[in-house]
Amino acid sequence: MSTQKRRRYDADFKREAVRLQQSSGKSCLQIEKELGIGHGILKRWSREYSADSRYSFRGNGKMRPDEAAFRQLQKELTHVRKERDILKKAVAIFSKEPNRYLGS
């Protein structure tokens, strides 16, 4: 079992590594060796950067604006469903014995 600590790289380092790979004409393997990063990491960073360069390498807990909006809508939907279920139960209770609750 390895006791080696996992290295973390900040977003700027990752972007610069991808730009270096794209502009230098060197292979990913060569740049990985030069920068001292693990095998295959630069290729993964390149894919992520190519997919969405503005929001690549966000880090933990940082969402794109569309992801944040989607998460907010999911929370609202859950809340509205709970309210709906409560109202359904209330309607069921009041419709069983209408005279008892109307004061008649």
PDB file of N, CA and C in Angstrom:
ATOM      1  N   MET A   1       0.844  -1.186   0.000  1.00  0.00           N
ATOM      2  CA  MET A   1       0.000   0.000   0.000  1.00  0.00           C
ATOM      3  C   MET A   1       0.884   1.242   0.000  1.00  0.00           C
ATOM      4  N   SER A   2       0.550   2.189  -0.826  1.00  0.00           N
ATOM      5  CA  SER A   2       1.343   3.388  -0.966  1.00  0.00           C
ATOM      6  C   SER A   2       0.913   4.426   0.072  1.00  0.00           C
ATOM      7  N   THR A   3       1.909   5.063   0.672  1.00  0.00           N
ATOM      8  CA  THR A   3       1.621   6.128   1.640  1.00  0.00           C
ATOM      9  C   THR A   3       1.874   7.498   1.020  1.00  0.00           C
ATOM     10  N   GLN A   4       2.022   7.506  -0.305  1.00  0.00           N
ATOM     11  CA  GLN A   4       2.289   8.749  -1.007  1.00  0.00           C
ATOM     12  C   GLN A   4       1.064   9.656  -0.976  1.00  0.00           C
ATOM     13  N   LYS A   5       1.300  10.930  -0.632  1.00  0.00           N
ATOM     14  CA  LYS A   5       0.214  11.891  -0.545  1.00  0.00           C
ATOM     15  C   LYS A   5      -0.174  12.347  -1.957  1.00  0.00           C
ATOM     16  N   ARG A   6      -1.449  12.498  -2.185  1.00  0.00           N
ATOM     17  CA  ARG A   6      -1.949  12.933  -3.488  1.00  0.00           C
ATOM     18  C   ARG A   6      -1.637  14.414  -3.679  1.00  0.00           C
ATOM     19  N   ARG A   7      -1.026  14.727  -4.813  1.00  0.00           N
ATOM     20  CA  ARG A   7      -0.682  16.118  -5.106  1.00  0.00           C
ATOM     21  C   ARG A   7      -1.884  16.815  -5.712  1.00  0.00           C
ATOM     22  N   ARG A   8      -2.037  18.077  -5.364  1.00  0.00           N
ATOM     23  CA  ARG A   8      -3.106  18.901  -5.923  1.00  0.00           C
ATOM     24  C   ARG A   8      -2.481  20.033  -6.716  1.00  0.00           C
ATOM     25  N   TYR A   9      -3.112  20.331  -7.825  1.00  0.00           N
ATOM     26  CA  TYR A   9      -2.630  21.392  -8.693  1.00  0.00           C
ATOM     27  C   TYR A   9      -3.725  22.437  -8.827  1.00  0.00           C
ATOM     28  N   ASP A  10      -3.348  23.700  -8.762  1.00  0.00           N
ATOM     29  CA  ASP A  10      -4.362  24.740  -8.881  1.00  0.00           C
ATOM     30  C   ASP A  10      -4.767  24.921 -10.343  1.00  0.00           C
ATOM     31  N   ALA A  11      -5.857  25.626 -10.549  1.00  0.00           N
ATOM     32  CA  ALA A  11      -6.440  25.787 -11.882  1.00  0.00           C
ATOM     33  C   ALA A  11      -5.479  26.482 -12.839  1.00  0.00           C
ATOM     34  N   ASP A  12      -4.733  27.462 -12.352  1.00  0.00           N
ATOM     35  CA  ASP A  12      -3.789  28.173 -13.222  1.00  0.00           C
ATOM     36  C   ASP A  12      -2.683  27.237 -13.725  1.00  0.00           C
ATOM     37  N   PHE A  13      -2.182  26.388 -12.849  1.00  0.00           N
ATOM     38  CA  PHE A  13      -1.153  25.433 -13.249  1.00  0.00           C
ATOM     39  C   PHE A  13      -1.691  24.508 -14.336  1.00  0.00           C
ATOM     40  N   LYS A  14      -2.907  24.026 -14.149  1.00  0.00           N
ATOM     41  CA  LYS A  14      -3.505  23.121 -15.127  1.00  0.00           C
ATOM     42  C   LYS A  14      -3.696  23.804 -16.475  1.00  0.00           C
ATOM     43  N   ARG A  15      -4.215  25.037 -16.457  1.00  0.00           N
ATOM     44  CA  ARG A  15      -4.415  25.778 -17.714  1.00  0.00           C
ATOM     45  C   ARG A  15      -3.093  26.019 -18.432  1.00  0.00           C
ATOM     46  N   GLU A  16      -2.068  26.391 -17.681  1.00  0.00           N
ATOM     47  CA  GLU A  16      -0.759  26.635 -18.290  1.00  0.00           C
ATOM     48  C   GLU A  16      -0.168  25.348 -18.855  1.00  0.00           C
ATOM     49  N   ALA A  17      -0.353  24.231 -18.160  1.00  0.00           N
ATOM     50  CA  ALA A  17       0.147  22.947 -18.652  1.00  0.00           C
ATOM     51  C   ALA A  17      -0.548  22.574 -19.960  1.00  0.00           C
ATOM     52  N   VAL A  18      -1.855  22.803 -20.039  1.00  0.00           N
ATOM     53  CA  VAL A  18      -2.603  22.501 -21.268  1.00  0.00           C
ATOM     54  C   VAL A  18      -2.148  23.424 -22.389  1.00  0.00           C
ATOM     55  N   ARG A  19      -1.990  24.694 -22.097  1.00  0.00           N
ATOM     56  CA  ARG A  19      -1.526  25.641 -23.130  1.00  0.00           C
ATOM     57  C   ARG A  19      -0.124  25.283 -23.621  1.00  0.00           C
ATOM     58  N   LEU A  20       0.748  24.863 -22.706  1.00  0.00           N
ATOM     59  CA  LEU A  20       2.092  24.446 -23.072  1.00  0.00           C
ATOM     60  C   LEU A  20       2.032  23.247 -24.012  1.00  0.00           C
ATOM     61  N   GLN A  21       1.192  22.299 -23.700  1.00  0.00           N
ATOM     62  CA  GLN A  21       1.063  21.101 -24.539  1.00  0.00           C
ATOM     63  C   GLN A  21       0.524  21.471 -25.920  1.00  0.00           C
ATOM     64  N   GLN A  22      -0.441  22.370 -25.976  1.00  0.00           N
ATOM     65  CA  GLN A  22      -1.048  22.751 -27.244  1.00  0.00           C
ATOM     66  C   GLN A  22      -0.102  23.584 -28.108  1.00  0.00           C
ATOM     67  N   SER A  23       0.725  24.415 -27.494  1.00  0.00           N
ATOM     68  CA  SER A  23       1.566  25.329 -28.270  1.00  0.00           C
ATOM     69  C   SER A  23       2.967  24.793 -28.551  1.00  0.00           C
ATOM     70  N   SER A  24       3.440  23.847 -27.755  1.00  0.00           N
ATOM     71  CA  SER A  24       4.830  23.404 -27.892  1.00  0.00           C
ATOM     72  C   SER A  24       5.021  22.333 -28.960  1.00  0.00           C
ATOM     73  N   GLY A  25       3.991  21.589 -29.271  1.00  0.00           N
ATOM     74  CA  GLY A  25       4.142  20.483 -30.221  1.00  0.00           C
ATOM     75  C   GLY A  25       4.718  19.230 -29.585  1.00  0.00           C
ATOM     76  N   LYS A  26       4.971  19.284 -28.281  1.00  0.00           N
ATOM     77  CA  LYS A  26       5.494  18.112 -27.573  1.00  0.00           C
ATOM     78  C   LYS A  26       4.339  17.188 -27.209  1.00  0.00           C
ATOM     79  N   SER A  27       4.670  15.957 -26.952  1.00  0.00           N
ATOM     80  CA  SER A  27       3.642  14.985 -26.559  1.00  0.00           C
ATOM     81  C   SER A  27       3.248  15.224 -25.107  1.00  0.00           C
ATOM     82  N   CYS A  28       2.088  14.723 -24.757  1.00  0.00           N
ATOM     83  CA  CYS A  28       1.616  14.837 -23.363  1.00  0.00           C
ATOM     84  C   CYS A  28       2.608  14.170 -22.421  1.00  0.00           C
ATOM     85  N   LEU A  29       3.128  13.022 -22.828  1.00  0.00           N
ATOM     86  CA  LEU A  29       4.059  12.283 -21.981  1.00  0.00           C
ATOM     87  C   LEU A  29       5.317  13.100 -21.693  1.00  0.00           C
ATOM     88  N   GLN A  30       5.860  13.787 -22.715  1.00  0.00           N
ATOM     89  CA  GLN A  30       7.046  14.611 -22.519  1.00  0.00           C
ATOM     90  C   GLN A  30       6.773  15.739 -21.522  1.00  0.00           C
ATOM     91  N   ILE A  31       5.658  16.404 -21.679  1.00  0.00           N
ATOM     92  CA  ILE A  31       5.330  17.529 -20.795  1.00  0.00           C
ATOM     93  C   ILE A  31       5.047  17.036 -19.382  1.00  0.00           C
ATOM     94  N   GLU A  32       4.376  15.900 -19.267  1.00  0.00           N
ATOM     95  CA  GLU A  32       4.126  15.333 -17.937  1.00  0.00           C
ATOM     96  C   GLU A  32       5.435  15.064 -17.211  1.00  0.00           C
ATOM     97  N   LYS A  33       6.414  14.526 -17.933  1.00  0.00           N
ATOM     98  CA  LYS A  33       7.722  14.265 -17.317  1.00  0.00           C
ATOM     99  C   LYS A  33       8.405  15.566 -16.938  1.00  0.00           C
ATOM    100  N   GLU A  34       8.361  16.578 -17.818  1.00  0.00           N
ATOM    101  CA  GLU A  34       9.003  17.851 -17.545  1.00  0.00           C
ATOM    102  C   GLU A  34       8.383  18.564 -16.338  1.00  0.00           C
ATOM    103  N   LEU A  35       7.070  18.454 -16.215  1.00  0.00           N
ATOM    104  CA  LEU A  35       6.378  19.129 -15.122  1.00  0.00           C
ATOM    105  C   LEU A  35       6.306  18.284 -13.850  1.00  0.00           C
ATOM    106  N   GLY A  36       6.648  17.015 -13.964  1.00  0.00           N
ATOM    107  CA  GLY A  36       6.612  16.133 -12.798  1.00  0.00           C
ATOM    108  C   GLY A  36       5.210  15.731 -12.387  1.00  0.00           C
ATOM    109  N   ILE A  37       4.322  15.617 -13.360  1.00  0.00           N
ATOM    110  CA  ILE A  37       2.958  15.170 -13.051  1.00  0.00           C
ATOM    111  C   ILE A  37       2.777  13.745 -13.543  1.00  0.00           C
ATOM    112  N   GLY A  38       1.784  13.069 -13.022  1.00  0.00           N
ATOM    113  CA  GLY A  38       1.559  11.666 -13.318  1.00  0.00           C
ATOM    114  C   GLY A  38       1.152  11.399 -14.757  1.00  0.00           C
ATOM    115  N   HIS A  39       1.353  10.175 -15.152  1.00  0.00           N
ATOM    116  CA  HIS A  39       1.030   9.730 -16.512  1.00  0.00           C
ATOM    117  C   HIS A  39      -0.491   9.796 -16.752  1.00  0.00           C
ATOM    118  N   GLY A  40      -0.881  10.421 -17.855  1.00  0.00           N
ATOM    119  CA  GLY A  40      -2.289  10.489 -18.244  1.00  0.00           C
ATOM    120  C   GLY A  40      -3.047  11.689 -17.699  1.00  0.00           C
ATOM    121  N   ILE A  41      -2.449  12.397 -16.769  1.00  0.00           N
ATOM    122  CA  ILE A  41      -3.146  13.531 -16.150  1.00  0.00           C
ATOM    123  C   ILE A  41      -3.336  14.675 -17.138  1.00  0.00           C
ATOM    124  N   LEU A  42      -2.295  14.988 -17.892  1.00  0.00           N
ATOM    125  CA  LEU A  42      -2.366  16.107 -18.830  1.00  0.00           C
ATOM    126  C   LEU A  42      -3.414  15.849 -19.914  1.00  0.00           C
ATOM    127  N   LYS A  43      -3.547  14.612 -20.340  1.00  0.00           N
ATOM    128  CA  LYS A  43      -4.558  14.274 -21.347  1.00  0.00           C
ATOM    129  C   LYS A  43      -5.965  14.525 -20.786  1.00  0.00           C
ATOM    130  N   ARG A  44      -6.169  14.153 -19.533  1.00  0.00           N
ATOM    131  CA  ARG A  44      -7.463  14.377 -18.878  1.00  0.00           C
ATOM    132  C   ARG A  44      -7.725  15.875 -18.736  1.00  0.00           C
ATOM    133  N   TRP A  45      -6.714  16.635 -18.342  1.00  0.00           N
ATOM    134  CA  TRP A  45      -6.859  18.083 -18.227  1.00  0.00           C
ATOM    135  C   TRP A  45      -7.189  18.701 -19.578  1.00  0.00           C
ATOM    136  N   SER A  46      -6.544  18.211 -20.633  1.00  0.00           N
ATOM    137  CA  SER A  46      -6.794  18.733 -21.989  1.00  0.00           C
ATOM    138  C   SER A  46      -8.235  18.494 -22.409  1.00  0.00           C
ATOM    139  N   ARG A  47      -8.748  17.305 -22.120  1.00  0.00           N
ATOM    140  CA  ARG A  47     -10.154  16.989 -22.459  1.00  0.00           C
ATOM    141  C   ARG A  47     -11.107  17.908 -21.706  1.00  0.00           C
ATOM    142  N   GLU A  48     -10.849  18.103 -20.422  1.00  0.00           N
ATOM    143  CA  GLU A  48     -11.711  18.957 -19.612  1.00  0.00           C
ATOM    144  C   GLU A  48     -11.658  20.404 -20.111  1.00  0.00           C
ATOM    145  N   TYR A  49     -10.465  20.876 -20.427  1.00  0.00           N
ATOM    146  CA  TYR A  49     -10.308  22.242 -20.910  1.00  0.00           C
ATOM    147  C   TYR A  49     -10.980  22.418 -22.266  1.00  0.00           C
ATOM    148  N   SER A  50     -10.865  21.434 -23.139  1.00  0.00           N
ATOM    149  CA  SER A  50     -11.485  21.506 -24.467  1.00  0.00           C
ATOM    150  C   SER A  50     -13.005  21.483 -24.388  1.00  0.00           C
ATOM    151  N   ALA A  51     -13.542  20.767 -23.419  1.00  0.00           N
ATOM    152  CA  ALA A  51     -14.996  20.651 -23.277  1.00  0.00           C
ATOM    153  C   ALA A  51     -15.621  21.990 -22.900  1.00  0.00           C
ATOM    154  N   ASP A  52     -14.999  22.731 -21.999  1.00  0.00           N
ATOM    155  CA  ASP A  52     -15.540  24.023 -21.566  1.00  0.00           C
ATOM    156  C   ASP A  52     -14.433  24.823 -20.893  1.00  0.00           C
ATOM    157  N   SER A  53     -13.711  25.600 -21.676  1.00  0.00           N
ATOM    158  CA  SER A  53     -12.532  26.288 -21.147  1.00  0.00           C
ATOM    159  C   SER A  53     -12.871  27.321 -20.068  1.00  0.00           C
ATOM    160  N   ARG A  54     -14.049  27.954 -20.170  1.00  0.00           N
ATOM    161  CA  ARG A  54     -14.402  28.979 -19.176  1.00  0.00           C
ATOM    162  C   ARG A  54     -14.586  28.393 -17.786  1.00  0.00           C
ATOM    163  N   TYR A  55     -15.161  27.199 -17.699  1.00  0.00           N
ATOM    164  CA  TYR A  55     -15.480  26.613 -16.400  1.00  0.00           C
ATOM    165  C   TYR A  55     -14.658  25.372 -16.092  1.00  0.00           C
ATOM    166  N   SER A  56     -13.548  25.187 -16.775  1.00  0.00           N
ATOM    167  CA  SER A  56     -12.714  24.031 -16.481  1.00  0.00           C
ATOM    168  C   SER A  56     -11.951  24.260 -15.180  1.00  0.00           C
ATOM    169  N   PHE A  57     -11.672  23.198 -14.495  1.00  0.00           N
ATOM    170  CA  PHE A  57     -10.877  23.213 -13.259  1.00  0.00           C
ATOM    171  C   PHE A  57     -11.504  24.093 -12.183  1.00  0.00           C
ATOM    172  N   ARG A  58     -12.774  23.885 -11.927  1.00  0.00           N
ATOM    173  CA  ARG A  58     -13.513  24.701 -10.958  1.00  0.00           C
ATOM    174  C   ARG A  58     -13.150  24.367  -9.520  1.00  0.00           C
ATOM    175  N   GLY A  59     -12.739  23.154  -9.248  1.00  0.00           N
ATOM    176  CA  GLY A  59     -12.450  22.759  -7.871  1.00  0.00           C
ATOM    177  C   GLY A  59     -13.691  22.188  -7.206  1.00  0.00           C
ATOM    178  N   ASN A  60     -13.538  21.776  -5.984  1.00  0.00           N
ATOM    179  CA  ASN A  60     -14.639  21.146  -5.246  1.00  0.00           C
ATOM    180  C   ASN A  60     -15.688  22.173  -4.839  1.00  0.00           C
ATOM    181  N   GLY A  61     -16.936  21.852  -5.108  1.00  0.00           N
ATOM    182  CA  GLY A  61     -18.041  22.683  -4.658  1.00  0.00           C
ATOM    183  C   GLY A  61     -18.341  23.897  -5.503  1.00  0.00           C
ATOM    184  N   LYS A  62     -17.562  24.153  -6.521  1.00  0.00           N
ATOM    185  CA  LYS A  62     -17.797  25.317  -7.372  1.00  0.00           C
ATOM    186  C   LYS A  62     -18.519  24.858  -8.627  1.00  0.00           C
ATOM    187  N   MET A  63     -19.745  25.341  -8.799  1.00  0.00           N
ATOM    188  CA  MET A  63     -20.571  24.900  -9.915  1.00  0.00           C
ATOM    189  C   MET A  63     -20.633  25.950 -11.009  1.00  0.00           C
ATOM    190  N   ARG A  64     -20.895  25.462 -12.216  1.00  0.00           N
ATOM    191  CA  ARG A  64     -21.189  26.384 -13.309  1.00  0.00           C
ATOM    192  C   ARG A  64     -22.537  27.021 -13.009  1.00  0.00           C
ATOM    193  N   PRO A  65     -22.793  28.204 -13.572  1.00  0.00           N
ATOM    194  CA  PRO A  65     -24.072  28.872 -13.301  1.00  0.00           C
ATOM    195  C   PRO A  65     -25.294  28.017 -13.658  1.00  0.00           C
ATOM    196  N   ASP A  66     -25.225  27.264 -14.757  1.00  0.00           N
ATOM    197  CA  ASP A  66     -26.368  26.426 -15.120  1.00  0.00           C
ATOM    198  C   ASP A  66     -26.552  25.274 -14.143  1.00  0.00           C
ATOM    199  N   GLU A  67     -25.452  24.749 -13.595  1.00  0.00           N
ATOM    200  CA  GLU A  67     -25.568  23.697 -12.587  1.00  0.00           C
ATOM    201  C   GLU A  67     -26.190  24.241 -11.305  1.00  0.00           C
ATOM    202  N   ALA A  68     -25.789  25.455 -10.921  1.00  0.00           N
ATOM    203  CA  ALA A  68     -26.337  26.070  -9.709  1.00  0.00           C
ATOM    204  C   ALA A  68     -27.829  26.333  -9.866  1.00  0.00           C
ATOM    205  N   ALA A  69     -28.234  26.817 -11.038  1.00  0.00           N
ATOM    206  CA  ALA A  69     -29.659  27.068 -11.285  1.00  0.00           C
ATOM    207  C   ALA A  69     -30.449  25.764 -11.250  1.00  0.00           C
ATOM    208  N   PHE A  70     -29.884  24.721 -11.833  1.00  0.00           N
ATOM    209  CA  PHE A  70     -30.556  23.419 -11.826  1.00  0.00           C
ATOM    210  C   PHE A  70     -30.713  22.897 -10.402  1.00  0.00           C
ATOM    211  N   ARG A  71     -29.666  23.020  -9.600  1.00  0.00           N
ATOM    212  CA  ARG A  71     -29.719  22.573  -8.207  1.00  0.00           C
ATOM    213  C   ARG A  71     -30.794  23.340  -7.440  1.00  0.00           C
ATOM    214  N   GLN A  72     -30.883  24.665  -7.660  1.00  0.00           N
ATOM    215  CA  GLN A  72     -31.894  25.491  -6.996  1.00  0.00           C
ATOM    216  C   GLN A  72     -33.294  25.051  -7.403  1.00  0.00           C
ATOM    217  N   LEU A  73     -33.490  24.775  -8.683  1.00  0.00           N
ATOM    218  CA  LEU A  73     -34.803  24.316  -9.152  1.00  0.00           C
ATOM    219  C   LEU A  73     -35.174  22.962  -8.555  1.00  0.00           C
ATOM    220  N   GLN A  74     -34.192  22.089  -8.394  1.00  0.00           N
ATOM    221  CA  GLN A  74     -34.459  20.796  -7.761  1.00  0.00           C
ATOM    222  C   GLN A  74     -34.915  20.988  -6.315  1.00  0.00           C
ATOM    223  N   LYS A  75     -34.282  21.895  -5.589  1.00  0.00           N
ATOM    224  CA  LYS A  75     -34.675  22.162  -4.198  1.00  0.00           C
ATOM    225  C   LYS A  75     -36.095  22.716  -4.137  1.00  0.00           C
ATOM    226  N   GLU A  76     -36.405  23.653  -5.036  1.00  0.00           N
ATOM    227  CA  GLU A  76     -37.746  24.228  -5.066  1.00  0.00           C
ATOM    228  C   GLU A  76     -38.787  23.166  -5.382  1.00  0.00           C
ATOM    229  N   LEU A  77     -38.487  22.287  -6.328  1.00  0.00           N
ATOM    230  CA  LEU A  77     -39.421  21.227  -6.693  1.00  0.00           C
ATOM    231  C   LEU A  77     -39.679  20.299  -5.517  1.00  0.00           C
ATOM    232  N   THR A  78     -38.639  19.948  -4.800  1.00  0.00           N
ATOM    233  CA  THR A  78     -38.803  19.097  -3.613  1.00  0.00           C
ATOM    234  C   THR A  78     -39.700  19.778  -2.584  1.00  0.00           C
ATOM    235  N   HIS A  79     -39.476  21.058  -2.365  1.00  0.00           N
ATOM    236  CA  HIS A  79     -40.284  21.829  -1.403  1.00  0.00           C
ATOM    237  C   HIS A  79     -41.751  21.882  -1.847  1.00  0.00           C
ATOM    238  N   VAL A  80     -41.987  22.165  -3.109  1.00  0.00           N
ATOM    239  CA  VAL A  80     -43.359  22.265  -3.628  1.00  0.00           C
ATOM    240  C   VAL A  80     -44.067  20.907  -3.539  1.00  0.00           C
ATOM    241  N   ARG A  81     -43.327  19.828  -3.808  1.00  0.00           N
ATOM    242  CA  ARG A  81     -43.942  18.490  -3.695  1.00  0.00           C
ATOM    243  C   ARG A  81     -44.346  18.191  -2.253  1.00  0.00           C
ATOM    244  N   LYS A  82     -43.520  18.599  -1.300  1.00  0.00           N
ATOM    245  CA  LYS A  82     -43.861  18.391   0.115  1.00  0.00           C
ATOM    246  C   LYS A  82     -45.120  19.183   0.479  1.00  0.00           C
ATOM    247  N   GLU A  83     -45.181  20.441   0.016  1.00  0.00           N
ATOM    248  CA  GLU A  83     -46.367  21.259   0.272  1.00  0.00           C
ATOM    249  C   GLU A  83     -47.611  20.616  -0.339  1.00  0.00           C
ATOM    250  N   ARG A  84     -47.472  20.135  -1.562  1.00  0.00           N
ATOM    251  CA  ARG A  84     -48.597  19.493  -2.244  1.00  0.00           C
ATOM    252  C   ARG A  84     -49.082  18.282  -1.450  1.00  0.00           C
ATOM    253  N   ASP A  85     -48.142  17.455  -0.979  1.00  0.00           N
ATOM    254  CA  ASP A  85     -48.516  16.261  -0.229  1.00  0.00           C
ATOM    255  C   ASP A  85     -49.233  16.619   1.071  1.00  0.00           C
ATOM    256  N   ILE A  86     -48.773  17.685   1.724  1.00  0.00           N
ATOM    257  CA  ILE A  86     -49.435  18.134   2.955  1.00  0.00           C
ATOM    258  C   ILE A  86     -50.859  18.583   2.646  1.00  0.00           C
ATOM    259  N   LEU A  87     -51.033  19.346   1.568  1.00  0.00           N
ATOM    260  CA  LEU A  87     -52.369  19.812   1.190  1.00  0.00           C
ATOM    261  C   LEU A  87     -53.289  18.654   0.814  1.00  0.00           C
ATOM    262  N   LYS A  88     -52.756  17.654   0.143  1.00  0.00           N
ATOM    263  CA  LYS A  88     -53.561  16.475  -0.202  1.00  0.00           C
ATOM    264  C   LYS A  88     -54.062  15.790   1.063  1.00  0.00           C
ATOM    265  N   LYS A  89     -53.174  15.661   2.057  1.00  0.00           N
ATOM    266  CA  LYS A  89     -53.570  15.027   3.310  1.00  0.00           C
ATOM    267  C   LYS A  89     -54.624  15.859   4.033  1.00  0.00           C
ATOM    268  N   ALA A  90     -54.463  17.178   4.001  1.00  0.00           N
ATOM    269  CA  ALA A  90     -55.439  18.056   4.648  1.00  0.00           C
ATOM    270  C   ALA A  90     -56.794  17.937   3.968  1.00  0.00           C
ATOM    271  N   VAL A  91     -56.816  17.907   2.644  1.00  0.00           N
ATOM    272  CA  VAL A  91     -58.074  17.762   1.916  1.00  0.00           C
ATOM    273  C   VAL A  91     -58.727  16.424   2.261  1.00  0.00           C
ATOM    274  N   ALA A  92     -57.915  15.387   2.352  1.00  0.00           N
ATOM    275  CA  ALA A  92     -58.462  14.069   2.689  1.00  0.00           C
ATOM    276  C   ALA A  92     -59.064  14.073   4.092  1.00  0.00           C
ATOM    277  N   ILE A  93     -58.409  14.721   5.024  1.00  0.00           N
ATOM    278  CA  ILE A  93     -58.917  14.782   6.399  1.00  0.00           C
ATOM    279  C   ILE A  93     -60.223  15.562   6.453  1.00  0.00           C
ATOM    280  N   PHE A  94     -60.254  16.725   5.838  1.00  0.00           N
ATOM    281  CA  PHE A  94     -61.448  17.572   5.901  1.00  0.00           C
ATOM    282  C   PHE A  94     -62.606  17.031   5.079  1.00  0.00           C
ATOM    283  N   SER A  95     -62.344  16.249   4.067  1.00  0.00           N
ATOM    284  CA  SER A  95     -63.439  15.736   3.245  1.00  0.00           C
ATOM    285  C   SER A  95     -64.081  14.498   3.856  1.00  0.00           C
ATOM    286  N   LYS A  96     -63.420  13.855   4.821  1.00  0.00           N
ATOM    287  CA  LYS A  96     -63.998  12.676   5.461  1.00  0.00           C
ATOM    288  C   LYS A  96     -65.151  13.054   6.377  1.00  0.00           C
ATOM    289  N   GLU A  97     -64.980  14.109   7.181  1.00  0.00           N
ATOM    290  CA  GLU A  97     -66.003  14.528   8.120  1.00  0.00           C
ATOM    291  C   GLU A  97     -66.240  16.031   7.964  1.00  0.00           C
ATOM    292  N   PRO A  98     -66.923  16.427   6.925  1.00  0.00           N
ATOM    293  CA  PRO A  98     -67.073  17.864   6.644  1.00  0.00           C
ATOM    294  C   PRO A  98     -67.842  18.613   7.743  1.00  0.00           C
ATOM    295  N   ASN A  99     -68.865  18.014   8.348  1.00  0.00           N
ATOM    296  CA  ASN A  99     -69.675  18.727   9.337  1.00  0.00           C
ATOM    297  C   ASN A  99     -68.900  18.985  10.634  1.00  0.00           C
ATOM    298  N   ARG A 100     -68.007  18.096  10.959  1.00  0.00           N
ATOM    299  CA  ARG A 100     -67.255  18.218  12.211  1.00  0.00           C
ATOM    300  C   ARG A 100     -66.346  19.449  12.183  1.00  0.00           C
ATOM    301  N   TYR A 101     -65.769  19.763  11.021  1.00  0.00           N
ATOM    302  CA  TYR A 101     -64.819  20.863  10.949  1.00  0.00           C
ATOM    303  C   TYR A 101     -65.473  22.195  10.585  1.00  0.00           C
ATOM    304  N   LEU A 102     -66.710  22.169  10.095  1.00  0.00           N
ATOM    305  CA  LEU A 102     -67.383  23.399   9.709  1.00  0.00           C
ATOM    306  C   LEU A 102     -68.146  24.034  10.863  1.00  0.00           C
ATOM    307  N   GLY A 103     -68.219  23.355  11.995  1.00  0.00           N
ATOM    308  CA  GLY A 103     -68.901  23.905  13.155  1.00  0.00           C
ATOM    309  C   GLY A 103     -70.397  23.672  13.133  1.00  0.00           C
ATOM    310  N   SER A 104     -70.892  22.763  12.325  1.00  0.00           N
ATOM    311  CA  SER A 104     -72.330  22.516  12.235  1.00  0.00           C
ATOM    312  C   SER A 104     -72.777  21.515  13.250  1.00  0.00           C
TER     313      SER A 104
END
